[in-house]
Amino acid sequence: MKTKVVLITGGSSGIGKAIGLHLKEKGYKVYGTTRSTLKYPSFSDFPLLEMDVRNVETIKSCVASLLEKESRIDVLVNNAGIGITGPMEETPHEEVLKAFATNFNGPLSVINEVLPIMRKQKEGLIINITSIAGYMGLPYRGIYSASKAALELVTESYRMETKTFGVKFTTLAPGDFATNIASGRYHTPVYENSPYKKMYKNTLDAIDSDVDGGGDPIEVGKKIAKIIETKNPKPHYQVGSFIQKFSLTLKSILPGLWFEKMLENHSS
């Protein structure tokens, strides 16, 4: 049986790197992507290829380069993404567009470049990394929630459209994990005269605390490995703390106003 070739977008750090390290340890042939390999001159955990998910030409070049090296792509893990926070009213529109370009449009562009290869192989697996935040409209993280929710839904569409070609789709929604995501997140400034000042500042403090106290991202890698080894993956998976995963159950059983109040209390 051939060793499976795995391509992980955003594989140079954080969750993407943790996924790559675990899969490499499990015997997979792992390739990660980064916008600039020059920023990681000493990276030696697995090969890094250049790709900016917002630039279709770099996607085409990256996929062609990998195909030349390995002649196939068995698994695509769409992990590259950015965080964004801010009151809906005050978040700059250009930052909204950037977030969707990376978290939604980008993964679609990568999928559409890889799909013809997997279709020709008559098999393949595409795992889109979303977020537990994508299951609910979180206060001051609405744009991030929306971009991940959109990726959840189109995965369902891809899944049904490509099933007859032997290509499988699923999503994995992580909760909070201890990574460097905060350093790349766009924060709408806390404006002195903003009516949201106090509540938004409290939310920012809570977000930083949640990430700092988050779980080991290797758990995401372990979950990815289990999904790859599953014959018929489910449409959606989650990984995170009990309370984060339980929040999804609460949303499904609590009256809408009760669940909304619970989110407001957590953010205040």
C-alpha atoms as a PDB file:
ATOM      1  CA  MET A   1       0.000   0.000   0.000  1.00  0.00           C
ATOM      2  CA  LYS A   2       1.394   3.392  -1.027  1.00  0.00           C
ATOM      3  CA  THR A   3       2.256   5.970   1.617  1.00  0.00           C
ATOM      4  CA  LYS A   4      -0.405   8.687   1.515  1.00  0.00           C
ATOM      5  CA  VAL A   5       0.693  12.170   0.449  1.00  0.00           C
ATOM      6  CA  VAL A   6      -0.800  14.931   2.625  1.00  0.00           C
ATOM      7  CA  LEU A   7      -0.818  18.662   1.819  1.00  0.00           C
ATOM      8  CA  ILE A   8      -1.472  21.007   4.771  1.00  0.00           C
ATOM      9  CA  THR A   9      -2.044  24.699   4.100  1.00  0.00           C
ATOM     10  CA  GLY A  10      -0.647  26.979   6.787  1.00  0.00           C
ATOM     11  CA  GLY A  11       1.680  24.202   7.946  1.00  0.00           C
ATOM     12  CA  SER A  12       4.605  26.251   9.246  1.00  0.00           C
ATOM     13  CA  SER A  13       3.260  26.922  12.750  1.00  0.00           C
ATOM     14  CA  GLY A  14       0.412  26.416  15.209  1.00  0.00           C
ATOM     15  CA  ILE A  15      -2.244  23.828  14.487  1.00  0.00           C
ATOM     16  CA  GLY A  16      -0.983  23.183  10.946  1.00  0.00           C
ATOM     17  CA  LYS A  17       2.507  22.325  12.148  1.00  0.00           C
ATOM     18  CA  ALA A  18       1.106  20.104  14.923  1.00  0.00           C
ATOM     19  CA  ILE A  19      -1.002  18.224  12.369  1.00  0.00           C
ATOM     20  CA  GLY A  20       2.028  17.779  10.116  1.00  0.00           C
ATOM     21  CA  LEU A  21       4.282  16.519  12.899  1.00  0.00           C
ATOM     22  CA  HIS A  22       1.741  13.963  14.062  1.00  0.00           C
ATOM     23  CA  LEU A  23       0.973  12.692  10.561  1.00  0.00           C
ATOM     24  CA  LYS A  24       4.670  12.425   9.763  1.00  0.00           C
ATOM     25  CA  GLU A  25       5.131  10.379  12.926  1.00  0.00           C
ATOM     26  CA  LYS A  26       2.283   8.129  11.743  1.00  0.00           C
ATOM     27  CA  GLY A  27       4.138   7.474   8.482  1.00  0.00           C
ATOM     28  CA  TYR A  28       2.415   9.855   6.079  1.00  0.00           C
ATOM     29  CA  LYS A  29       4.329  11.857   3.435  1.00  0.00           C
ATOM     30  CA  VAL A  30       3.654  15.384   4.670  1.00  0.00           C
ATOM     31  CA  TYR A  31       4.014  18.717   2.887  1.00  0.00           C
ATOM     32  CA  GLY A  32       3.083  22.044   4.456  1.00  0.00           C
ATOM     33  CA  THR A  33       2.569  25.442   2.882  1.00  0.00           C
ATOM     34  CA  THR A  34       3.577  28.929   3.942  1.00  0.00           C
ATOM     35  CA  ARG A  35       3.360  32.305   2.242  1.00  0.00           C
ATOM     36  CA  SER A  36       7.151  32.658   2.345  1.00  0.00           C
ATOM     37  CA  THR A  37       9.663  29.881   2.917  1.00  0.00           C
ATOM     38  CA  LEU A  38      12.314  32.577   3.481  1.00  0.00           C
ATOM     39  CA  LYS A  39      10.733  33.238   6.889  1.00  0.00           C
ATOM     40  CA  TYR A  40      11.480  29.660   7.953  1.00  0.00           C
ATOM     41  CA  PRO A  41      15.105  29.000   6.885  1.00  0.00           C
ATOM     42  CA  SER A  42      15.696  26.426   9.633  1.00  0.00           C
ATOM     43  CA  PHE A  43      12.338  24.605   9.336  1.00  0.00           C
ATOM     44  CA  SER A  44      13.136  20.922   8.905  1.00  0.00           C
ATOM     45  CA  ASP A  45      10.143  19.032  10.336  1.00  0.00           C
ATOM     46  CA  PHE A  46       8.717  18.363   6.873  1.00  0.00           C
ATOM     47  CA  PRO A  47       8.990  20.080   3.450  1.00  0.00           C
ATOM     48  CA  LEU A  48       7.417  23.528   3.128  1.00  0.00           C
ATOM     49  CA  LEU A  49       6.066  24.792  -0.197  1.00  0.00           C
ATOM     50  CA  GLU A  50       5.179  28.412  -0.944  1.00  0.00           C
ATOM     51  CA  MET A  51       1.500  29.238  -1.264  1.00  0.00           C
ATOM     52  CA  ASP A  52      -0.673  32.233  -0.483  1.00  0.00           C
ATOM     53  CA  VAL A  53      -4.270  31.001  -0.437  1.00  0.00           C
ATOM     54  CA  ARG A  54      -5.370  34.471  -1.559  1.00  0.00           C
ATOM     55  CA  ASN A  55      -3.258  34.213  -4.728  1.00  0.00           C
ATOM     56  CA  VAL A  56      -4.483  31.668  -7.276  1.00  0.00           C
ATOM     57  CA  GLU A  57      -1.202  31.654  -9.208  1.00  0.00           C
ATOM     58  CA  THR A  58       0.746  30.574  -6.102  1.00  0.00           C
ATOM     59  CA  ILE A  59      -1.847  27.843  -5.479  1.00  0.00           C
ATOM     60  CA  LYS A  60      -1.437  26.513  -9.025  1.00  0.00           C
ATOM     61  CA  SER A  61       2.355  26.631  -8.742  1.00  0.00           C
ATOM     62  CA  CYS A  62       2.379  24.879  -5.360  1.00  0.00           C
ATOM     63  CA  VAL A  63       0.043  22.074  -6.415  1.00  0.00           C
ATOM     64  CA  ALA A  64       1.952  21.557  -9.699  1.00  0.00           C
ATOM     65  CA  SER A  65       5.240  21.385  -7.762  1.00  0.00           C
ATOM     66  CA  LEU A  66       3.868  18.784  -5.354  1.00  0.00           C
ATOM     67  CA  LEU A  67       2.401  16.740  -8.187  1.00  0.00           C
ATOM     68  CA  GLU A  68       5.777  16.750  -9.911  1.00  0.00           C
ATOM     69  CA  LYS A  69       7.427  15.460  -6.736  1.00  0.00           C
ATOM     70  CA  GLU A  70       4.862  12.837  -5.714  1.00  0.00           C
ATOM     71  CA  SER A  71       2.577  12.246  -8.734  1.00  0.00           C
ATOM     72  CA  ARG A  72      -0.482  12.291  -6.444  1.00  0.00           C
ATOM     73  CA  ILE A  73      -2.213  14.104  -3.567  1.00  0.00           C
ATOM     74  CA  ASP A  74      -4.198  11.849  -1.258  1.00  0.00           C
ATOM     75  CA  VAL A  75      -5.238  14.238   1.497  1.00  0.00           C
ATOM     76  CA  LEU A  76      -5.690  18.026   1.551  1.00  0.00           C
ATOM     77  CA  VAL A  77      -5.999  19.707   4.947  1.00  0.00           C
ATOM     78  CA  ASN A  78      -7.234  23.269   4.466  1.00  0.00           C
ATOM     79  CA  ASN A  79      -5.854  24.787   7.648  1.00  0.00           C
ATOM     80  CA  ALA A  80      -4.623  28.279   6.648  1.00  0.00           C
ATOM     81  CA  GLY A  81      -6.725  30.978   8.267  1.00  0.00           C
ATOM     82  CA  ILE A  82      -6.688  34.253  10.170  1.00  0.00           C
ATOM     83  CA  GLY A  83      -8.510  35.584  13.196  1.00  0.00           C
ATOM     84  CA  ILE A  84     -10.457  38.829  13.322  1.00  0.00           C
ATOM     85  CA  THR A  85     -12.257  40.594  16.167  1.00  0.00           C
ATOM     86  CA  GLY A  86     -14.305  43.727  16.588  1.00  0.00           C
ATOM     87  CA  PRO A  87     -17.835  45.081  16.960  1.00  0.00           C
ATOM     88  CA  MET A  88     -19.753  44.404  13.739  1.00  0.00           C
ATOM     89  CA  GLU A  89     -20.487  48.118  13.347  1.00  0.00           C
ATOM     90  CA  GLU A  90     -16.855  49.186  13.736  1.00  0.00           C
ATOM     91  CA  THR A  91     -14.912  46.455  11.899  1.00  0.00           C
ATOM     92  CA  PRO A  92     -13.409  47.985   8.708  1.00  0.00           C
ATOM     93  CA  HIS A  93     -14.962  46.506   5.570  1.00  0.00           C
ATOM     94  CA  GLU A  94     -11.564  45.921   3.984  1.00  0.00           C
ATOM     95  CA  GLU A  95     -10.639  43.708   6.945  1.00  0.00           C
ATOM     96  CA  VAL A  96     -13.884  41.770   6.522  1.00  0.00           C
ATOM     97  CA  LEU A  97     -12.937  41.121   2.892  1.00  0.00           C
ATOM     98  CA  LYS A  98      -9.417  40.029   3.894  1.00  0.00           C
ATOM     99  CA  ALA A  99     -10.794  37.589   6.465  1.00  0.00           C
ATOM    100  CA  PHE A 100     -13.139  35.982   3.950  1.00  0.00           C
ATOM    101  CA  ALA A 101     -10.391  35.941   1.303  1.00  0.00           C
ATOM    102  CA  THR A 102      -8.236  33.824   3.631  1.00  0.00           C
ATOM    103  CA  ASN A 103     -10.804  31.780   5.562  1.00  0.00           C
ATOM    104  CA  PHE A 104     -13.338  31.084   2.812  1.00  0.00           C
ATOM    105  CA  ASN A 105     -12.316  32.055  -0.741  1.00  0.00           C
ATOM    106  CA  GLY A 106      -8.781  30.721  -0.210  1.00  0.00           C
ATOM    107  CA  PRO A 107      -9.772  27.184   0.797  1.00  0.00           C
ATOM    108  CA  LEU A 108     -12.196  27.027  -2.144  1.00  0.00           C
ATOM    109  CA  SER A 109      -9.411  27.990  -4.562  1.00  0.00           C
ATOM    110  CA  VAL A 110      -7.124  25.282  -3.148  1.00  0.00           C
ATOM    111  CA  ILE A 111      -9.920  22.693  -3.290  1.00  0.00           C
ATOM    112  CA  ASN A 112     -10.719  23.521  -6.901  1.00  0.00           C
ATOM    113  CA  GLU A 113      -7.064  23.107  -7.880  1.00  0.00           C
ATOM    114  CA  VAL A 114      -6.724  19.754  -6.119  1.00  0.00           C
ATOM    115  CA  LEU A 115     -10.120  18.257  -7.074  1.00  0.00           C
ATOM    116  CA  PRO A 116      -9.253  17.366 -10.711  1.00  0.00           C
ATOM    117  CA  ILE A 117      -6.196  15.461  -9.429  1.00  0.00           C
ATOM    118  CA  MET A 118      -8.226  13.474  -6.898  1.00  0.00           C
ATOM    119  CA  ARG A 119     -10.957  12.855  -9.453  1.00  0.00           C
ATOM    120  CA  LYS A 120      -8.375  11.412 -11.843  1.00  0.00           C
ATOM    121  CA  GLN A 121      -7.044   9.232  -9.003  1.00  0.00           C
ATOM    122  CA  LYS A 122     -10.646   8.191  -8.258  1.00  0.00           C
ATOM    123  CA  GLU A 123      -9.968   8.844  -4.580  1.00  0.00           C
ATOM    124  CA  GLY A 124      -8.973  11.557  -2.146  1.00  0.00           C
ATOM    125  CA  LEU A 125      -9.913  13.214   1.126  1.00  0.00           C
ATOM    126  CA  ILE A 126     -10.321  16.937   1.787  1.00  0.00           C
ATOM    127  CA  ILE A 127     -10.532  18.126   5.394  1.00  0.00           C
ATOM    128  CA  ASN A 128     -11.492  21.743   5.971  1.00  0.00           C
ATOM    129  CA  ILE A 129     -10.404  23.143   9.334  1.00  0.00           C
ATOM    130  CA  THR A 130     -13.207  25.370  10.580  1.00  0.00           C
ATOM    131  CA  SER A 131     -13.923  26.338  14.199  1.00  0.00           C
ATOM    132  CA  ILE A 132     -16.395  25.701  16.977  1.00  0.00           C
ATOM    133  CA  ALA A 133     -16.923  29.474  16.682  1.00  0.00           C
ATOM    134  CA  GLY A 134     -18.436  28.741  13.266  1.00  0.00           C
ATOM    135  CA  TYR A 135     -21.467  27.126  14.886  1.00  0.00           C
ATOM    136  CA  MET A 136     -22.628  30.327  16.587  1.00  0.00           C
ATOM    137  CA  GLY A 137     -22.527  34.086  16.080  1.00  0.00           C
ATOM    138  CA  LEU A 138     -20.127  35.081  18.834  1.00  0.00           C
ATOM    139  CA  PRO A 139     -20.187  38.708  20.013  1.00  0.00           C
ATOM    140  CA  TYR A 140     -17.183  40.696  18.706  1.00  0.00           C
ATOM    141  CA  ARG A 141     -16.076  37.686  16.633  1.00  0.00           C
ATOM    142  CA  GLY A 142     -18.970  37.730  14.184  1.00  0.00           C
ATOM    143  CA  ILE A 143     -16.856  37.961  11.024  1.00  0.00           C
ATOM    144  CA  TYR A 144     -14.614  35.079  12.080  1.00  0.00           C
ATOM    145  CA  SER A 145     -17.666  32.983  13.005  1.00  0.00           C
ATOM    146  CA  ALA A 146     -19.312  33.796   9.680  1.00  0.00           C
ATOM    147  CA  SER A 147     -16.256  32.899   7.572  1.00  0.00           C
ATOM    148  CA  LYS A 148     -15.886  29.535   9.299  1.00  0.00           C
ATOM    149  CA  ALA A 149     -19.625  28.834   9.160  1.00  0.00           C
ATOM    150  CA  ALA A 150     -19.567  29.486   5.412  1.00  0.00           C
ATOM    151  CA  LEU A 151     -16.759  26.934   5.006  1.00  0.00           C
ATOM    152  CA  GLU A 152     -18.772  24.399   7.026  1.00  0.00           C
ATOM    153  CA  LEU A 153     -21.751  24.752   4.690  1.00  0.00           C
ATOM    154  CA  VAL A 154     -19.942  24.642   1.348  1.00  0.00           C
ATOM    155  CA  THR A 155     -18.137  21.515   2.539  1.00  0.00           C
ATOM    156  CA  GLU A 156     -21.538  19.828   2.705  1.00  0.00           C
ATOM    157  CA  SER A 157     -22.194  20.885  -0.900  1.00  0.00           C
ATOM    158  CA  TYR A 158     -18.794  19.704  -2.154  1.00  0.00           C
ATOM    159  CA  ARG A 159     -19.282  16.450  -0.275  1.00  0.00           C
ATOM    160  CA  MET A 160     -22.505  15.578  -2.103  1.00  0.00           C
ATOM    161  CA  GLU A 161     -21.307  16.813  -5.496  1.00  0.00           C
ATOM    162  CA  THR A 162     -18.056  14.810  -5.506  1.00  0.00           C
ATOM    163  CA  LYS A 163     -19.115  11.572  -3.805  1.00  0.00           C
ATOM    164  CA  THR A 164     -19.474   9.694  -7.112  1.00  0.00           C
ATOM    165  CA  PHE A 165     -15.846  10.535  -7.991  1.00  0.00           C
ATOM    166  CA  GLY A 166     -14.457   8.798  -4.907  1.00  0.00           C
ATOM    167  CA  VAL A 167     -13.530  12.104  -3.245  1.00  0.00           C
ATOM    168  CA  LYS A 168     -14.517  12.546   0.399  1.00  0.00           C
ATOM    169  CA  PHE A 169     -15.045  15.815   2.254  1.00  0.00           C
ATOM    170  CA  THR A 170     -15.350  16.647   5.941  1.00  0.00           C
ATOM    171  CA  THR A 171     -14.729  19.483   8.383  1.00  0.00           C
ATOM    172  CA  LEU A 172     -12.907  19.554  11.696  1.00  0.00           C
ATOM    173  CA  ALA A 173     -13.857  22.366  14.067  1.00  0.00           C
ATOM    174  CA  PRO A 174     -11.279  23.000  16.810  1.00  0.00           C
ATOM    175  CA  GLY A 175     -11.980  24.907  20.005  1.00  0.00           C
ATOM    176  CA  ASP A 176      -9.248  26.946  21.711  1.00  0.00           C
ATOM    177  CA  PHE A 177      -5.715  25.607  21.466  1.00  0.00           C
ATOM    178  CA  ALA A 178      -2.437  27.113  22.646  1.00  0.00           C
ATOM    179  CA  THR A 179      -1.006  28.524  19.403  1.00  0.00           C
ATOM    180  CA  ASN A 180       0.358  31.797  18.039  1.00  0.00           C
ATOM    181  CA  ILE A 181      -2.943  32.673  16.324  1.00  0.00           C
ATOM    182  CA  ALA A 182      -3.290  35.848  18.409  1.00  0.00           C
ATOM    183  CA  SER A 183      -0.154  37.338  16.831  1.00  0.00           C
ATOM    184  CA  GLY A 184      -1.717  37.197  13.353  1.00  0.00           C
ATOM    185  CA  ARG A 185      -5.253  38.180  14.325  1.00  0.00           C
ATOM    186  CA  TYR A 186      -6.699  41.504  13.226  1.00  0.00           C
ATOM    187  CA  HIS A 187      -8.149  43.432  16.158  1.00  0.00           C
ATOM    188  CA  THR A 188     -10.434  46.338  15.463  1.00  0.00           C
ATOM    189  CA  PRO A 189      -9.067  49.065  17.788  1.00  0.00           C
ATOM    190  CA  VAL A 190     -10.833  49.690  21.092  1.00  0.00           C
ATOM    191  CA  TYR A 191     -11.963  53.236  20.374  1.00  0.00           C
ATOM    192  CA  GLU A 192     -12.098  55.582  23.354  1.00  0.00           C
ATOM    193  CA  ASN A 193     -15.489  57.002  22.377  1.00  0.00           C
ATOM    194  CA  SER A 194     -16.992  53.681  21.250  1.00  0.00           C
ATOM    195  CA  PRO A 195     -20.293  52.585  22.799  1.00  0.00           C
ATOM    196  CA  TYR A 196     -18.829  49.040  22.716  1.00  0.00           C
ATOM    197  CA  LYS A 197     -15.594  49.972  24.502  1.00  0.00           C
ATOM    198  CA  LYS A 198     -16.087  48.178  27.836  1.00  0.00           C
ATOM    199  CA  MET A 199     -17.734  45.001  26.503  1.00  0.00           C
ATOM    200  CA  TYR A 200     -15.332  44.649  23.583  1.00  0.00           C
ATOM    201  CA  LYS A 201     -12.263  45.145  25.801  1.00  0.00           C
ATOM    202  CA  ASN A 202     -13.559  42.452  28.185  1.00  0.00           C
ATOM    203  CA  THR A 203     -14.034  40.091  25.245  1.00  0.00           C
ATOM    204  CA  LEU A 204     -10.475  40.679  23.981  1.00  0.00           C
ATOM    205  CA  ASP A 205      -9.098  39.877  27.440  1.00  0.00           C
ATOM    206  CA  ALA A 206     -11.203  36.693  27.577  1.00  0.00           C
ATOM    207  CA  ILE A 207     -10.072  35.599  24.083  1.00  0.00           C
ATOM    208  CA  ASP A 208      -6.392  35.992  24.976  1.00  0.00           C
ATOM    209  CA  SER A 209      -6.947  34.075  28.205  1.00  0.00           C
ATOM    210  CA  ASP A 210      -8.774  31.262  26.401  1.00  0.00           C
ATOM    211  CA  VAL A 211      -5.982  30.835  23.828  1.00  0.00           C
ATOM    212  CA  ASP A 212      -3.218  30.985  26.451  1.00  0.00           C
ATOM    213  CA  GLY A 213      -5.002  28.326  28.465  1.00  0.00           C
ATOM    214  CA  GLY A 214      -5.958  26.263  25.430  1.00  0.00           C
ATOM    215  CA  GLY A 215      -5.185  22.612  24.873  1.00  0.00           C
ATOM    216  CA  ASP A 216      -2.199  21.055  23.133  1.00  0.00           C
ATOM    217  CA  PRO A 217      -2.661  21.391  19.326  1.00  0.00           C
ATOM    218  CA  ILE A 218      -1.317  17.845  18.926  1.00  0.00           C
ATOM    219  CA  GLU A 219      -4.874  16.774  19.813  1.00  0.00           C
ATOM    220  CA  VAL A 220      -5.989  18.248  16.490  1.00  0.00           C
ATOM    221  CA  GLY A 221      -3.299  16.207  14.737  1.00  0.00           C
ATOM    222  CA  LYS A 222      -4.526  13.042  16.418  1.00  0.00           C
ATOM    223  CA  LYS A 223      -8.104  13.766  15.357  1.00  0.00           C
ATOM    224  CA  ILE A 224      -6.998  14.381  11.763  1.00  0.00           C
ATOM    225  CA  ALA A 225      -5.179  11.029  11.735  1.00  0.00           C
ATOM    226  CA  LYS A 226      -8.339   9.257  12.940  1.00  0.00           C
ATOM    227  CA  ILE A 227     -10.407  10.943  10.237  1.00  0.00           C
ATOM    228  CA  ILE A 228      -7.923   9.886   7.534  1.00  0.00           C
ATOM    229  CA  GLU A 229      -8.102   6.318   8.821  1.00  0.00           C
ATOM    230  CA  THR A 230     -11.932   6.337   8.806  1.00  0.00           C
ATOM    231  CA  LYS A 231     -13.458   4.574   5.801  1.00  0.00           C
ATOM    232  CA  ASN A 232     -16.495   6.866   5.553  1.00  0.00           C
ATOM    233  CA  PRO A 233     -15.886  10.159   7.400  1.00  0.00           C
ATOM    234  CA  LYS A 234     -18.880  12.009   8.821  1.00  0.00           C
ATOM    235  CA  PRO A 235     -19.736  15.472   7.435  1.00  0.00           C
ATOM    236  CA  HIS A 236     -18.458  17.284  10.550  1.00  0.00           C
ATOM    237  CA  TYR A 237     -16.140  16.684  13.512  1.00  0.00           C
ATOM    238  CA  GLN A 238     -15.162  18.783  16.541  1.00  0.00           C
ATOM    239  CA  VAL A 239     -12.129  18.742  18.826  1.00  0.00           C
ATOM    240  CA  GLY A 240     -11.665  20.762  22.001  1.00  0.00           C
ATOM    241  CA  SER A 241     -12.520  20.894  25.665  1.00  0.00           C
ATOM    242  CA  PHE A 242     -15.690  19.281  27.000  1.00  0.00           C
ATOM    243  CA  ILE A 243     -17.378  22.638  27.616  1.00  0.00           C
ATOM    244  CA  GLN A 244     -16.553  23.901  24.111  1.00  0.00           C
ATOM    245  CA  LYS A 245     -18.036  20.826  22.462  1.00  0.00           C
ATOM    246  CA  PHE A 246     -20.950  20.777  24.926  1.00  0.00           C
ATOM    247  CA  SER A 247     -21.826  24.348  23.904  1.00  0.00           C
ATOM    248  CA  LEU A 248     -22.938  22.918  20.539  1.00  0.00           C
ATOM    249  CA  THR A 249     -25.294  20.546  22.321  1.00  0.00           C
ATOM    250  CA  LEU A 250     -26.621  23.395  24.429  1.00  0.00           C
ATOM    251  CA  LYS A 251     -27.331  25.452  21.320  1.00  0.00           C
ATOM    252  CA  SER A 252     -29.373  22.598  19.874  1.00  0.00           C
ATOM    253  CA  ILE A 253     -31.490  22.040  22.991  1.00  0.00           C
ATOM    254  CA  LEU A 254     -31.783  25.426  24.722  1.00  0.00           C
ATOM    255  CA  PRO A 255     -34.344  28.048  23.678  1.00  0.00           C
ATOM    256  CA  GLY A 256     -32.626  30.635  21.477  1.00  0.00           C
ATOM    257  CA  LEU A 257     -32.951  33.464  24.007  1.00  0.00           C
ATOM    258  CA  TRP A 258     -31.404  31.335  26.766  1.00  0.00           C
ATOM    259  CA  PHE A 259     -28.412  30.382  24.635  1.00  0.00           C
ATOM    260  CA  GLU A 260     -27.940  33.996  23.544  1.00  0.00           C
ATOM    261  CA  LYS A 261     -27.928  35.110  27.196  1.00  0.00           C
ATOM    262  CA  MET A 262     -25.318  32.480  28.004  1.00  0.00           C
ATOM    263  CA  LEU A 263     -23.008  33.827  25.260  1.00  0.00           C
ATOM    264  CA  GLU A 264     -23.564  37.414  26.429  1.00  0.00           C
ATOM    265  CA  ASN A 265     -22.671  36.493  30.003  1.00  0.00           C
ATOM    266  CA  HIS A 266     -19.484  34.779  28.822  1.00  0.00           C
ATOM    267  CA  SER A 267     -18.456  37.909  26.896  1.00  0.00           C
ATOM    268  CA  SER A 268     -19.310  40.525  29.512  1.00  0.00           C
END
